[in-house]
Amino acid sequence: MKLKRKLILFYCTVLFIFGLIVARLFYIQIIKGEEYKQAAIRQRTIEVQIKPSRGMIFDRNFIPLTNKNKIKTMFIFKNMCDEKKLSRILETLVDKNSIEKYTILSNGNVIEIPLNSKVNELKKLKDLKGIYVEDKIKRYDRKNILSHVIGYINKSENKGKSGIERAFDNILKLDDSYGKVALVVDGKKKLIPGIGVIDTLKKRSEKATSVKLTIDYNIQKVVERVMDSENKNGAVIVADVKSGDILAMVSRPNFDQENVAKYFNSNDMELYNKAIQVSYPPGSLFKIIVLAAALESGKIDLNKKYFCKGYEEVGNIKIACHSHKSGGHGELDLEEAFYNSCNSVFIQIGKTVGAKKIIQTAKKFGFGESIDIGLLEEVEGNLPEGDDILGPVIGNISIGQGSIEVTPLQITNMIITIANNGIMKDMSIVDSLVTENGRIIKKIKRDKPKRVLDSYYAKLIQGYMEKVVTMGTAKNISMDEIGGAAGKTGSAQAVYNKKKTIHAWFAGYFPKRNPKYAITVLIENGISGGKTAAPIFEKIAKEIQKIK
């Protein structure tokens, strides 16, 4: 019996030990098998980045605005490649003057070279050990479409530095391993057949890693094409009148998003989004605000006749009207003063209404504060207050000069409000947060529309703005074929580096009945709003009409 018990104990012990061994093997091979396999592989792998580790940015129709351009790229691993052969490869693919640059930019062990037609010559070089060729996806469009809105990143930190890249960095920034492939090599530094390349991007995230904009890619291309053909600096905004969605936003000069460092010491403001990031005197565009304030005040008679002698004296200051060389506009009513953009009459109106009322009306229309469309670079502009609205400054306030500064975005907001019969929309450039494959996770919340001007007064101003195009300072443009338009010109003086310059404005909407699009055009160093900005408005409007 004792022997039997000993045998049973022995067998139980053996079975227990065997069970432990099986359990351990199960744990190692099944539970931890993949992890250990990957750890072993990582000891013999080199990772290369073939796709940006950032989420997508889409337009309103889910057209990709980032991560869409591919370029065939050769990755050369210096420690796997014979030095003589490496030199021959570089001499074959790269201009002699650029060899040193590729060596410097090799990031230690890996050299990346975009391939061209010369790649066929590499077939002469046999046994290309240490070389991997793959399509590399670029973050930005080659033409830098919508560059100022998309913005750019600090590549070394994968951190958004401007535009949507900055504002939604916490959404767009992905894990550092995203976008890489692991190359597995043997002891002779050659790719192992079968498991030579391991894709780390097989699973799509169902979280919000991407951003959908309100931008219409096709309208954006139209605006950029027109601005580039005109070779002008400034900004253009196109917005949907009914919704307040921004459909296009262009700033010039443009910049290369893949090489931003070369602009850091530039004086040409390439990296500034002039649609939101720079404020300008509005000039005669501000007469819309003065007119709205005058109508609300009840202090003016629509049928009253005014007289323009070509200038107006305010205190010791003489302010000229653009008609001063011809002796002034003479007698004209309020509507005629508006569509002829008469400074003299509007200074007279400003004196009657008062600076305080005008500034209050400007604030109601969103001037002096950010519109908050989703970009962190937006500035508030400037409205004078306190002692700065007392005395002779009413002359400059009445014609949108002096210390008044606005952004093209704020002007667009005003135009949309007038076009909507006095109702202000909550403008935005961001529609929603989405997954990489376009599933909407979260819509961006918008404030409810609010009335800021009586509809009767708004419609009256609409009629005046229509006359600007048909009879006034913008009568040189023809909009009848696309349903007419309404707008206002502006020519504002500014001083930069002790030099006087004129910024030319035209802002309006079309068609004039049931308007769909609002467009603001700002051209730096222009001749006048009517001669410089209005024709660009006309070209853009007609091009949009062709594609819609």
Protein backbone atom coordinates (compact mmCIF):
# COMPACT_ATOMS: atom_id res chain seq x y z
CA MET A 1 0.00 0.00 0.00
CA LYS A 2 2.84 2.34 0.86
CA LEU A 3 4.46 1.68 -2.51
CA LYS A 4 1.16 2.33 -4.25
CA ARG A 5 0.72 5.67 -2.46
CA LYS A 6 4.29 6.63 -3.34
CA LEU A 7 3.64 5.82 -6.98
CA ILE A 8 0.41 7.85 -6.96
CA LEU A 9 2.23 10.78 -5.34
CA PHE A 10 5.04 10.48 -7.86
CA TYR A 11 2.65 10.42 -10.81
CA CYS A 12 0.67 13.39 -9.41
CA THR A 13 3.87 15.33 -8.97
CA VAL A 14 4.94 14.55 -12.51
CA LEU A 15 1.51 15.50 -13.85
CA PHE A 16 1.56 18.73 -11.84
CA ILE A 17 4.99 19.66 -13.13
CA PHE A 18 3.97 18.68 -16.64
CA GLY A 19 0.83 20.80 -16.24
CA LEU A 20 2.96 23.75 -15.15
CA ILE A 21 5.17 23.29 -18.17
CA VAL A 22 2.15 23.10 -20.50
CA ALA A 23 0.59 26.14 -18.87
CA ARG A 24 3.85 28.06 -19.20
CA LEU A 25 4.22 27.05 -22.83
CA PHE A 26 0.58 28.03 -23.45
CA TYR A 27 1.22 31.42 -21.81
CA ILE A 28 4.41 31.99 -23.82
CA GLN A 29 3.20 30.70 -27.18
CA ILE A 30 -0.49 31.58 -27.17
CA ILE A 31 -1.12 34.45 -24.77
CA LYS A 32 2.23 36.21 -25.11
CA GLY A 33 3.23 34.65 -28.41
CA GLU A 34 2.51 37.62 -30.64
CA GLU A 35 4.08 40.07 -28.19
CA TYR A 36 7.28 38.02 -27.94
CA LYS A 37 7.29 37.51 -31.69
CA GLN A 38 7.07 41.25 -32.28
CA ALA A 39 9.77 41.87 -29.65
CA ALA A 40 12.05 39.41 -31.40
CA ILE A 41 11.27 40.96 -34.77
CA ARG A 42 11.89 44.47 -33.46
CA GLN A 43 15.43 43.44 -32.63
CA ARG A 44 15.98 42.87 -36.33
CA THR A 45 13.83 45.68 -37.81
CA ILE A 46 14.21 49.24 -38.96
CA GLU A 47 11.16 51.52 -39.17
CA VAL A 48 10.56 54.07 -41.92
CA GLN A 49 7.82 56.68 -42.04
CA ILE A 50 5.69 56.32 -45.17
CA LYS A 51 2.60 58.20 -43.98
CA PRO A 52 2.22 61.24 -41.69
CA SER A 53 1.28 60.31 -38.12
CA ARG A 54 -1.59 62.79 -38.22
CA GLY A 55 -5.29 62.49 -38.98
CA MET A 56 -6.98 63.69 -42.15
CA ILE A 57 -8.37 67.14 -42.93
CA PHE A 58 -11.36 66.99 -45.31
CA ASP A 59 -13.40 69.56 -47.18
CA ARG A 60 -17.20 69.72 -46.83
CA ASN A 61 -17.62 66.89 -49.39
CA PHE A 62 -14.95 64.68 -47.78
CA ILE A 63 -12.37 65.52 -50.42
CA PRO A 64 -9.00 64.96 -48.68
CA LEU A 65 -7.00 68.13 -48.16
CA THR A 66 -4.04 66.33 -46.56
CA ASN A 67 -2.32 62.93 -46.83
CA LYS A 68 -3.26 62.43 -50.47
CA ASN A 69 -0.17 63.01 -52.63
CA LYS A 70 2.23 60.08 -53.09
CA ILE A 71 5.82 60.20 -54.20
CA LYS A 72 7.98 57.18 -54.98
CA THR A 73 10.78 57.32 -52.42
CA MET A 74 13.99 55.39 -51.96
CA PHE A 75 15.09 54.69 -48.38
CA ILE A 76 18.82 53.97 -48.15
CA PHE A 77 20.17 52.44 -44.94
CA LYS A 78 23.74 53.63 -44.71
CA ASN A 79 24.95 50.91 -42.36
CA MET A 80 23.69 48.24 -44.77
CA CYS A 81 25.07 49.79 -47.92
CA ASP A 82 28.62 49.68 -49.22
CA GLU A 83 30.06 53.22 -49.22
CA LYS A 84 31.20 53.02 -52.85
CA LYS A 85 27.80 51.80 -53.94
CA LEU A 86 26.09 54.49 -51.84
CA SER A 87 28.17 57.17 -53.57
CA ARG A 88 27.25 55.77 -56.99
CA ILE A 89 23.55 55.73 -56.04
CA LEU A 90 23.64 59.34 -54.88
CA GLU A 91 25.52 60.44 -57.99
CA THR A 92 22.97 58.65 -60.16
CA LEU A 93 19.84 60.05 -58.48
CA VAL A 94 20.88 63.42 -57.10
CA ASP A 95 22.38 66.56 -58.55
CA LYS A 96 26.02 66.89 -57.52
CA ASN A 97 25.29 70.14 -55.68
CA SER A 98 22.61 68.40 -53.60
CA ILE A 99 24.56 65.33 -52.46
CA GLU A 100 25.81 67.07 -49.34
CA LYS A 101 22.24 68.18 -48.47
CA TYR A 102 20.95 64.61 -48.63
CA THR A 103 23.82 63.45 -46.49
CA ILE A 104 23.07 66.14 -43.89
CA LEU A 105 19.33 65.45 -43.96
CA SER A 106 19.82 61.70 -43.70
CA ASN A 107 18.70 61.68 -40.05
CA GLY A 108 21.58 59.50 -39.02
CA ASN A 109 21.26 56.15 -40.70
CA VAL A 110 18.45 56.60 -43.26
CA ILE A 111 18.60 58.71 -46.41
CA GLU A 112 15.31 59.46 -48.19
CA ILE A 113 15.45 60.35 -51.87
CA PRO A 114 12.36 61.21 -53.99
CA LEU A 115 12.74 59.21 -57.19
CA ASN A 116 12.62 60.53 -60.73
CA SER A 117 13.22 59.14 -64.20
CA LYS A 118 16.86 58.42 -63.37
CA VAL A 119 15.77 55.53 -61.19
CA ASN A 120 15.93 53.22 -64.22
CA GLU A 121 19.67 53.71 -64.30
CA LEU A 122 19.88 51.98 -60.92
CA LYS A 123 19.15 48.66 -62.60
CA LYS A 124 22.77 48.71 -63.66
CA LEU A 125 23.75 48.47 -60.01
CA LYS A 126 23.33 44.88 -58.90
CA ASP A 127 22.68 43.59 -55.38
CA LEU A 128 21.13 46.79 -54.00
CA LYS A 129 21.38 45.67 -50.39
CA GLY A 130 20.11 48.14 -47.78
CA ILE A 131 17.61 49.85 -50.08
CA TYR A 132 13.82 50.00 -49.79
CA VAL A 133 11.51 51.73 -52.28
CA GLU A 134 7.96 52.69 -51.32
CA ASP A 135 5.26 55.27 -52.09
CA LYS A 136 5.56 57.91 -49.39
CA ILE A 137 2.41 59.93 -48.63
CA LYS A 138 3.04 63.63 -48.23
CA ARG A 139 1.14 65.63 -45.62
CA TYR A 140 0.45 68.61 -47.88
CA ASP A 141 -0.71 69.24 -51.42
CA ARG A 142 2.07 70.07 -53.88
CA LYS A 143 0.27 73.30 -54.79
CA ASN A 144 -0.27 74.20 -51.12
CA ILE A 145 -4.03 74.59 -51.58
CA LEU A 146 -5.66 76.19 -48.51
CA SER A 147 -2.23 76.47 -46.87
CA HIS A 148 -3.05 79.28 -44.43
CA VAL A 149 -6.18 77.53 -43.15
CA ILE A 150 -4.62 74.06 -42.86
CA GLY A 151 -1.45 75.56 -41.38
CA TYR A 152 1.75 73.64 -40.77
CA ILE A 153 3.46 71.46 -38.17
CA ASN A 154 6.77 71.21 -36.39
CA LYS A 155 7.91 67.95 -37.96
CA SER A 156 10.37 67.00 -35.23
CA GLU A 157 7.66 67.27 -32.57
CA ASN A 158 4.67 66.35 -34.77
CA LYS A 159 2.96 69.42 -33.31
CA GLY A 160 0.58 71.80 -35.06
CA LYS A 161 1.95 75.34 -35.21
CA SER A 162 -0.74 77.21 -37.13
CA GLY A 163 -4.18 76.90 -38.70
CA ILE A 164 -6.29 73.76 -38.26
CA GLU A 165 -3.11 71.82 -37.48
CA ARG A 166 -2.70 73.96 -34.37
CA ALA A 167 -6.34 74.45 -33.36
CA PHE A 168 -7.09 70.70 -33.50
CA ASP A 169 -3.65 69.32 -32.70
CA ASN A 170 -5.05 67.15 -29.90
CA ILE A 171 -7.37 65.46 -32.42
CA LEU A 172 -5.02 65.21 -35.39
CA LYS A 173 -1.85 64.09 -33.61
CA LEU A 174 -1.60 60.30 -33.66
CA ASP A 175 0.73 57.81 -32.00
CA ASP A 176 4.32 58.06 -33.22
CA SER A 177 4.18 54.50 -34.58
CA TYR A 178 1.32 55.41 -36.91
CA GLY A 179 2.34 55.66 -40.54
CA LYS A 180 5.43 53.48 -40.28
CA VAL A 181 6.43 50.16 -41.78
CA ALA A 182 8.96 47.87 -40.13
CA LEU A 183 11.59 46.35 -42.38
CA VAL A 184 12.84 42.96 -41.12
CA VAL A 185 16.37 42.02 -42.17
CA ASP A 186 18.51 38.94 -41.83
CA GLY A 187 22.08 38.70 -40.61
CA LYS A 188 23.31 39.83 -44.03
CA LYS A 189 21.12 42.96 -43.86
CA LYS A 190 18.72 41.82 -46.58
CA LEU A 191 14.92 41.89 -46.32
CA ILE A 192 13.55 38.53 -45.23
CA PRO A 193 11.10 37.12 -47.80
CA GLY A 194 7.56 36.72 -46.45
CA ILE A 195 7.94 38.91 -43.38
CA GLY A 196 10.29 41.45 -44.90
CA VAL A 197 7.79 44.30 -44.44
CA ILE A 198 5.40 44.64 -41.51
CA ASP A 199 2.58 47.17 -41.91
CA THR A 200 1.69 48.90 -38.66
CA LEU A 201 -1.46 50.50 -40.13
CA LYS A 202 -3.86 47.62 -40.57
CA LYS A 203 -6.47 48.83 -38.08
CA ARG A 204 -8.44 52.04 -38.56
CA SER A 205 -9.38 53.99 -35.48
CA GLU A 206 -13.06 54.55 -34.77
CA LYS A 207 -12.23 57.60 -32.70
CA ALA A 208 -12.32 61.18 -34.01
CA THR A 209 -8.84 61.56 -35.48
CA SER A 210 -9.73 63.84 -38.38
CA VAL A 211 -11.45 67.16 -39.08
CA LYS A 212 -14.09 68.02 -41.67
CA LEU A 213 -14.13 71.67 -42.78
CA THR A 214 -16.88 73.79 -44.33
CA ILE A 215 -14.47 74.62 -47.19
CA ASP A 216 -15.54 73.70 -50.72
CA TYR A 217 -12.39 72.42 -52.43
CA ASN A 218 -13.59 73.37 -55.92
CA ILE A 219 -14.47 76.94 -54.91
CA GLN A 220 -11.16 77.20 -53.05
CA LYS A 221 -9.28 76.24 -56.22
CA VAL A 222 -11.20 78.87 -58.20
CA VAL A 223 -10.30 81.65 -55.78
CA GLU A 224 -6.64 80.63 -55.60
CA ARG A 225 -6.41 80.43 -59.38
CA VAL A 226 -7.88 83.92 -59.81
CA MET A 227 -5.65 85.47 -57.15
CA ASP A 228 -2.54 83.86 -58.62
CA SER A 229 -3.46 84.99 -62.14
CA GLU A 230 -3.84 88.55 -60.86
CA ASN A 231 -0.51 88.32 -59.00
CA LYS A 232 -1.92 90.34 -56.10
CA ASN A 233 -1.29 90.17 -52.36
CA GLY A 234 -4.15 90.29 -49.90
CA ALA A 235 -7.05 88.04 -48.95
CA VAL A 236 -10.34 86.67 -50.26
CA ILE A 237 -13.18 84.98 -48.39
CA VAL A 238 -16.19 83.24 -49.92
CA ALA A 239 -19.05 82.30 -47.58
CA ASP A 240 -22.47 80.69 -47.81
CA VAL A 241 -24.99 83.45 -47.10
CA LYS A 242 -27.68 81.19 -45.62
CA SER A 243 -25.51 79.10 -43.29
CA GLY A 244 -22.48 81.26 -42.55
CA ASP A 245 -20.19 78.42 -43.71
CA ILE A 246 -16.84 79.61 -45.06
CA LEU A 247 -16.42 78.02 -48.49
CA ALA A 248 -13.03 79.46 -49.41
CA MET A 249 -10.32 81.44 -47.66
CA VAL A 250 -7.20 82.61 -49.48
CA SER A 251 -4.24 84.68 -48.34
CA ARG A 252 -1.38 85.89 -50.52
CA PRO A 253 1.55 85.58 -50.74
CA ASN A 254 1.38 81.82 -50.32
CA PHE A 255 3.97 79.56 -48.66
CA ASP A 256 5.38 76.05 -48.98
CA GLN A 257 4.05 74.01 -46.06
CA GLU A 258 6.88 71.50 -46.39
CA ASN A 259 9.56 74.18 -46.02
CA VAL A 260 8.29 76.87 -43.64
CA ALA A 261 11.67 77.66 -42.11
CA LYS A 262 12.68 79.80 -45.07
CA TYR A 263 9.89 82.29 -44.26
CA PHE A 264 10.69 82.86 -40.58
CA ASN A 265 12.87 85.92 -41.27
CA SER A 266 10.84 87.21 -44.20
CA ASN A 267 9.17 90.64 -44.21
CA ASP A 268 6.57 89.61 -46.78
CA MET A 269 4.17 88.02 -44.26
CA GLU A 270 3.86 84.73 -46.16
CA LEU A 271 2.93 82.83 -43.00
CA TYR A 272 0.15 85.26 -42.02
CA ASN A 273 -3.45 84.40 -42.83
CA LYS A 274 -4.47 87.89 -43.90
CA ALA A 275 -8.15 86.93 -43.93
CA ILE A 276 -8.18 86.68 -40.14
CA GLN A 277 -4.73 87.45 -38.75
CA VAL A 278 -4.16 90.99 -40.02
CA SER A 279 -6.50 93.95 -39.54
CA TYR A 280 -6.84 96.86 -41.95
CA PRO A 281 -8.68 100.20 -42.06
CA PRO A 282 -11.98 99.42 -43.82
CA GLY A 283 -12.31 102.74 -45.63
CA SER A 284 -15.67 103.28 -47.26
CA LEU A 285 -16.88 99.76 -46.43
CA PHE A 286 -17.51 101.18 -42.96
CA LYS A 287 -20.13 103.47 -44.49
CA ILE A 288 -22.49 100.47 -44.28
CA ILE A 289 -22.16 100.69 -40.49
CA VAL A 290 -22.54 104.49 -40.51
CA LEU A 291 -25.66 104.14 -42.67
CA ALA A 292 -27.13 101.46 -40.39
CA ALA A 293 -26.46 103.64 -37.33
CA ALA A 294 -28.05 106.64 -39.05
CA LEU A 295 -31.16 104.70 -40.01
CA GLU A 296 -31.60 103.32 -36.50
CA SER A 297 -31.07 106.72 -34.89
CA GLY A 298 -34.04 108.27 -36.68
CA LYS A 299 -32.04 111.51 -37.02
CA ILE A 300 -31.85 111.57 -40.81
CA ASP A 301 -34.33 112.20 -43.59
CA LEU A 302 -34.02 109.81 -46.53
CA ASN A 303 -35.28 112.52 -48.87
CA LYS A 304 -32.93 115.23 -47.62
CA LYS A 305 -30.50 116.74 -50.11
CA TYR A 306 -26.87 117.10 -49.07
CA PHE A 307 -24.10 119.08 -50.71
CA CYS A 308 -20.56 117.89 -51.41
CA LYS A 309 -18.01 120.57 -52.22
CA GLY A 310 -15.17 118.06 -52.53
CA TYR A 311 -14.01 118.16 -48.92
CA GLU A 312 -15.26 118.53 -45.38
CA GLU A 313 -13.68 120.43 -42.51
CA VAL A 314 -13.73 118.85 -39.06
CA GLY A 315 -12.09 121.09 -36.50
CA ASN A 316 -8.77 122.07 -38.00
CA ILE A 317 -8.69 119.06 -40.29
CA LYS A 318 -9.75 119.08 -43.94
CA ILE A 319 -10.81 115.66 -45.23
CA ALA A 320 -11.08 115.27 -49.00
CA CYS A 321 -13.72 113.42 -50.95
CA HIS A 322 -12.51 111.44 -53.96
CA SER A 323 -14.47 113.99 -56.04
CA HIS A 324 -12.37 116.95 -54.80
CA LYS A 325 -10.41 117.32 -58.04
CA SER A 326 -13.64 117.88 -59.96
CA GLY A 327 -15.04 120.29 -57.39
CA GLY A 328 -17.16 117.79 -55.46
CA HIS A 329 -20.31 115.79 -56.13
CA GLY A 330 -22.57 118.80 -55.66
CA GLU A 331 -26.13 118.12 -54.50
CA LEU A 332 -27.12 114.50 -53.82
CA ASP A 333 -29.38 112.47 -51.56
CA LEU A 334 -28.40 109.71 -49.13
CA GLU A 335 -28.68 106.88 -51.67
CA GLU A 336 -26.56 108.75 -54.20
CA ALA A 337 -24.01 109.58 -51.49
CA PHE A 338 -23.76 105.88 -50.65
CA TYR A 339 -23.34 104.44 -54.14
CA ASN A 340 -20.95 107.26 -55.08
CA SER A 341 -19.11 106.75 -51.76
CA CYS A 342 -19.14 110.46 -50.94
CA ASN A 343 -16.93 111.25 -47.95
CA SER A 344 -18.34 114.74 -47.49
CA VAL A 345 -21.93 113.61 -47.05
CA PHE A 346 -21.03 110.73 -44.75
CA ILE A 347 -19.01 113.02 -42.52
CA GLN A 348 -22.07 115.27 -42.30
CA ILE A 349 -24.17 112.23 -41.40
CA GLY A 350 -21.57 111.08 -38.86
CA LYS A 351 -21.72 114.46 -37.12
CA THR A 352 -25.50 114.18 -36.91
CA VAL A 353 -25.55 110.59 -35.60
CA GLY A 354 -22.51 110.86 -33.30
CA ALA A 355 -19.45 108.66 -32.87
CA LYS A 356 -20.89 106.79 -29.87
CA LYS A 357 -23.87 105.48 -31.83
CA ILE A 358 -21.68 104.49 -34.78
CA ILE A 359 -19.28 102.51 -32.59
CA GLN A 360 -22.18 100.82 -30.78
CA THR A 361 -23.59 99.73 -34.15
CA ALA A 362 -20.18 98.45 -35.25
CA LYS A 363 -19.98 96.30 -32.11
CA LYS A 364 -23.43 94.84 -32.81
CA PHE A 365 -22.13 93.76 -36.23
CA GLY A 366 -19.18 91.95 -34.63
CA PHE A 367 -16.40 94.48 -35.09
CA GLY A 368 -13.84 94.85 -32.31
CA GLU A 369 -14.04 91.18 -31.32
CA SER A 370 -13.17 87.82 -32.85
CA ILE A 371 -15.80 85.98 -34.89
CA ASP A 372 -14.39 82.68 -33.57
CA ILE A 373 -14.60 80.45 -36.63
CA GLY A 374 -12.26 77.77 -35.26
CA LEU A 375 -8.80 79.23 -35.98
CA LEU A 376 -6.69 80.45 -33.07
CA GLU A 377 -4.83 83.11 -35.08
CA GLU A 378 -7.88 85.34 -35.50
CA VAL A 379 -7.41 88.93 -34.29
CA GLU A 380 -10.09 91.29 -32.99
CA GLY A 381 -9.26 94.38 -35.01
CA ASN A 382 -9.79 97.73 -33.33
CA LEU A 383 -12.61 100.14 -32.56
CA PRO A 384 -11.86 103.44 -30.84
CA GLU A 385 -13.56 104.13 -27.51
CA GLY A 386 -13.56 106.57 -24.63
CA ASP A 387 -11.74 109.82 -25.37
CA ASP A 388 -10.72 108.43 -28.77
CA ILE A 389 -14.23 108.98 -30.14
CA LEU A 390 -14.49 112.61 -29.05
CA GLY A 391 -14.02 115.72 -31.14
CA PRO A 392 -12.70 115.83 -34.71
CA VAL A 393 -12.13 112.05 -34.95
CA ILE A 394 -15.76 111.79 -36.08
CA GLY A 395 -14.41 112.72 -39.52
CA ASN A 396 -12.26 109.59 -39.75
CA ILE A 397 -14.83 107.38 -38.03
CA SER A 398 -17.47 108.36 -40.60
CA ILE A 399 -15.34 107.12 -43.47
CA GLY A 400 -13.66 104.11 -41.84
CA GLN A 401 -10.23 105.61 -41.36
CA GLY A 402 -8.06 106.55 -38.38
CA SER A 403 -7.76 103.92 -35.65
CA ILE A 404 -10.57 101.70 -36.97
CA GLU A 405 -9.20 98.34 -38.11
CA VAL A 406 -11.09 95.27 -39.29
CA THR A 407 -10.34 91.86 -40.75
CA PRO A 408 -11.73 90.54 -44.05
CA LEU A 409 -13.59 87.96 -41.94
CA GLN A 410 -15.39 90.68 -39.96
CA ILE A 411 -16.35 92.40 -43.22
CA THR A 412 -17.74 89.11 -44.56
CA ASN A 413 -19.76 88.71 -41.37
CA MET A 414 -21.26 92.18 -41.92
CA ILE A 415 -22.12 91.43 -45.57
CA ILE A 416 -23.84 88.16 -44.66
CA THR A 417 -25.87 89.97 -41.99
CA ILE A 418 -27.11 92.56 -44.49
CA ALA A 419 -27.85 89.86 -47.10
CA ASN A 420 -29.90 87.96 -44.48
CA ASN A 421 -32.11 90.99 -43.84
CA GLY A 422 -30.34 91.97 -40.61
CA ILE A 423 -29.90 88.48 -39.11
CA MET A 424 -26.36 87.51 -38.10
CA LYS A 425 -25.26 83.91 -38.65
CA ASP A 426 -22.65 82.09 -36.57
CA MET A 427 -19.83 81.75 -39.10
CA SER A 428 -17.50 78.76 -39.01
CA ILE A 429 -14.79 77.03 -41.02
CA VAL A 430 -15.07 73.69 -39.14
CA ASP A 431 -18.02 71.39 -39.63
CA SER A 432 -17.27 68.32 -37.51
CA LEU A 433 -14.80 65.89 -35.99
CA VAL A 434 -14.71 62.62 -37.89
CA THR A 435 -12.93 59.28 -38.15
CA GLU A 436 -10.27 58.66 -40.77
CA ASN A 437 -12.87 57.05 -43.05
CA GLY A 438 -15.26 59.98 -42.67
CA ARG A 439 -17.75 58.87 -40.03
CA ILE A 440 -18.98 61.91 -38.09
CA ILE A 441 -18.30 61.67 -34.36
CA LYS A 442 -19.11 65.21 -33.26
CA LYS A 443 -20.67 68.19 -35.03
CA ILE A 444 -19.23 71.57 -34.11
CA LYS A 445 -21.83 73.52 -32.15
CA ARG A 446 -23.05 76.77 -33.70
CA ASP A 447 -24.88 79.62 -31.98
CA LYS A 448 -28.39 80.42 -33.10
CA PRO A 449 -28.82 83.27 -35.59
CA LYS A 450 -29.62 86.63 -34.01
CA ARG A 451 -31.15 89.84 -35.33
CA VAL A 452 -28.86 92.87 -35.19
CA LEU A 453 -30.67 95.21 -37.60
CA ASP A 454 -34.32 95.78 -38.45
CA SER A 455 -35.21 94.01 -41.70
CA TYR A 456 -36.62 97.23 -43.21
CA TYR A 457 -33.29 98.99 -42.77
CA ALA A 458 -31.35 95.94 -44.01
CA LYS A 459 -33.41 95.80 -47.19
CA LEU A 460 -32.93 99.51 -47.71
CA ILE A 461 -29.15 99.04 -47.48
CA GLN A 462 -29.40 96.10 -49.90
CA GLY A 463 -30.98 98.41 -52.47
CA TYR A 464 -28.22 100.96 -51.97
CA MET A 465 -25.57 98.23 -52.39
CA GLU A 466 -27.19 97.10 -55.65
CA LYS A 467 -26.85 100.66 -56.96
CA VAL A 468 -23.11 100.58 -56.16
CA VAL A 469 -22.76 97.87 -58.82
CA THR A 470 -25.14 99.31 -61.40
CA MET A 471 -24.58 103.07 -61.01
CA GLY A 472 -21.83 103.72 -58.49
CA THR A 473 -18.18 103.08 -57.72
CA ALA A 474 -18.32 99.47 -58.99
CA LYS A 475 -20.34 100.08 -62.16
CA ASN A 476 -17.33 98.91 -64.20
CA ILE A 477 -18.17 95.27 -63.38
CA SER A 478 -20.94 93.33 -65.11
CA MET A 479 -22.95 90.87 -63.03
CA ASP A 480 -26.26 90.67 -64.92
CA GLU A 481 -25.51 87.26 -66.45
CA ILE A 482 -25.30 85.63 -62.98
CA GLY A 483 -28.31 87.36 -61.44
CA GLY A 484 -26.76 90.67 -60.45
CA ALA A 485 -24.87 91.53 -57.30
CA ALA A 486 -24.78 94.00 -54.44
CA GLY A 487 -21.71 95.33 -52.70
CA LYS A 488 -19.58 98.19 -51.50
CA THR A 489 -16.15 99.45 -52.49
CA GLY A 490 -13.53 100.70 -50.10
CA SER A 491 -10.16 102.40 -50.53
CA ALA A 492 -8.25 102.80 -47.29
CA GLN A 493 -4.98 104.58 -46.69
CA ALA A 494 -2.43 102.96 -44.41
CA VAL A 495 1.19 103.63 -43.50
CA TYR A 496 3.74 100.81 -43.45
CA ASN A 497 7.46 101.44 -42.97
CA LYS A 498 6.79 105.17 -43.29
CA LYS A 499 5.26 104.65 -46.74
CA LYS A 500 1.65 105.40 -47.58
CA THR A 501 -0.26 102.67 -49.35
CA ILE A 502 -3.85 102.08 -50.42
CA HIS A 503 -5.70 98.89 -49.60
CA ALA A 504 -8.51 98.19 -52.05
CA TRP A 505 -11.71 96.52 -50.86
CA PHE A 506 -14.82 95.15 -52.45
CA ALA A 507 -17.32 93.11 -50.46
CA GLY A 508 -20.74 91.96 -51.58
CA TYR A 509 -23.02 89.08 -52.46
CA PHE A 510 -24.67 87.46 -55.47
CA PRO A 511 -27.15 86.89 -56.93
CA LYS A 512 -28.92 89.99 -55.72
CA ARG A 513 -32.20 88.10 -55.23
CA ASN A 514 -32.02 85.17 -52.82
CA PRO A 515 -28.24 85.57 -52.50
CA LYS A 516 -26.12 82.43 -52.13
CA TYR A 517 -22.55 83.65 -51.84
CA ALA A 518 -20.86 86.48 -50.00
CA ILE A 519 -17.39 87.46 -51.21
CA THR A 520 -14.87 89.81 -49.61
CA VAL A 521 -11.82 90.89 -51.60
CA LEU A 522 -8.93 92.80 -50.03
CA ILE A 523 -5.99 93.78 -52.23
CA GLU A 524 -2.91 95.36 -50.70
CA ASN A 525 -1.29 98.23 -52.61
CA GLY A 526 -4.28 98.63 -54.90
CA ILE A 527 -5.49 101.59 -56.90
CA SER A 528 -9.02 101.71 -55.52
CA GLY A 529 -11.80 99.36 -54.51
CA GLY A 530 -13.65 99.90 -57.78
CA LYS A 531 -10.64 99.51 -60.07
CA THR A 532 -8.68 96.80 -58.25
CA ALA A 533 -10.88 94.70 -55.94
CA ALA A 534 -14.28 94.78 -57.70
CA PRO A 535 -13.01 93.16 -60.95
CA ILE A 536 -11.55 90.29 -58.91
CA PHE A 537 -14.92 89.88 -57.18
CA GLU A 538 -16.51 89.68 -60.64
CA LYS A 539 -14.06 87.02 -61.88
CA ILE A 540 -14.47 84.87 -58.79
CA ALA A 541 -18.28 85.11 -58.83
CA LYS A 542 -18.50 84.12 -62.48
CA GLU A 543 -16.11 81.18 -62.01
CA ILE A 544 -18.14 79.94 -59.03
CA GLN A 545 -21.32 80.19 -61.10
CA LYS A 546 -19.73 77.92 -63.73
CA ILE A 547 -19.08 75.08 -61.30
CA LYS A 548 -22.28 75.32 -59.23
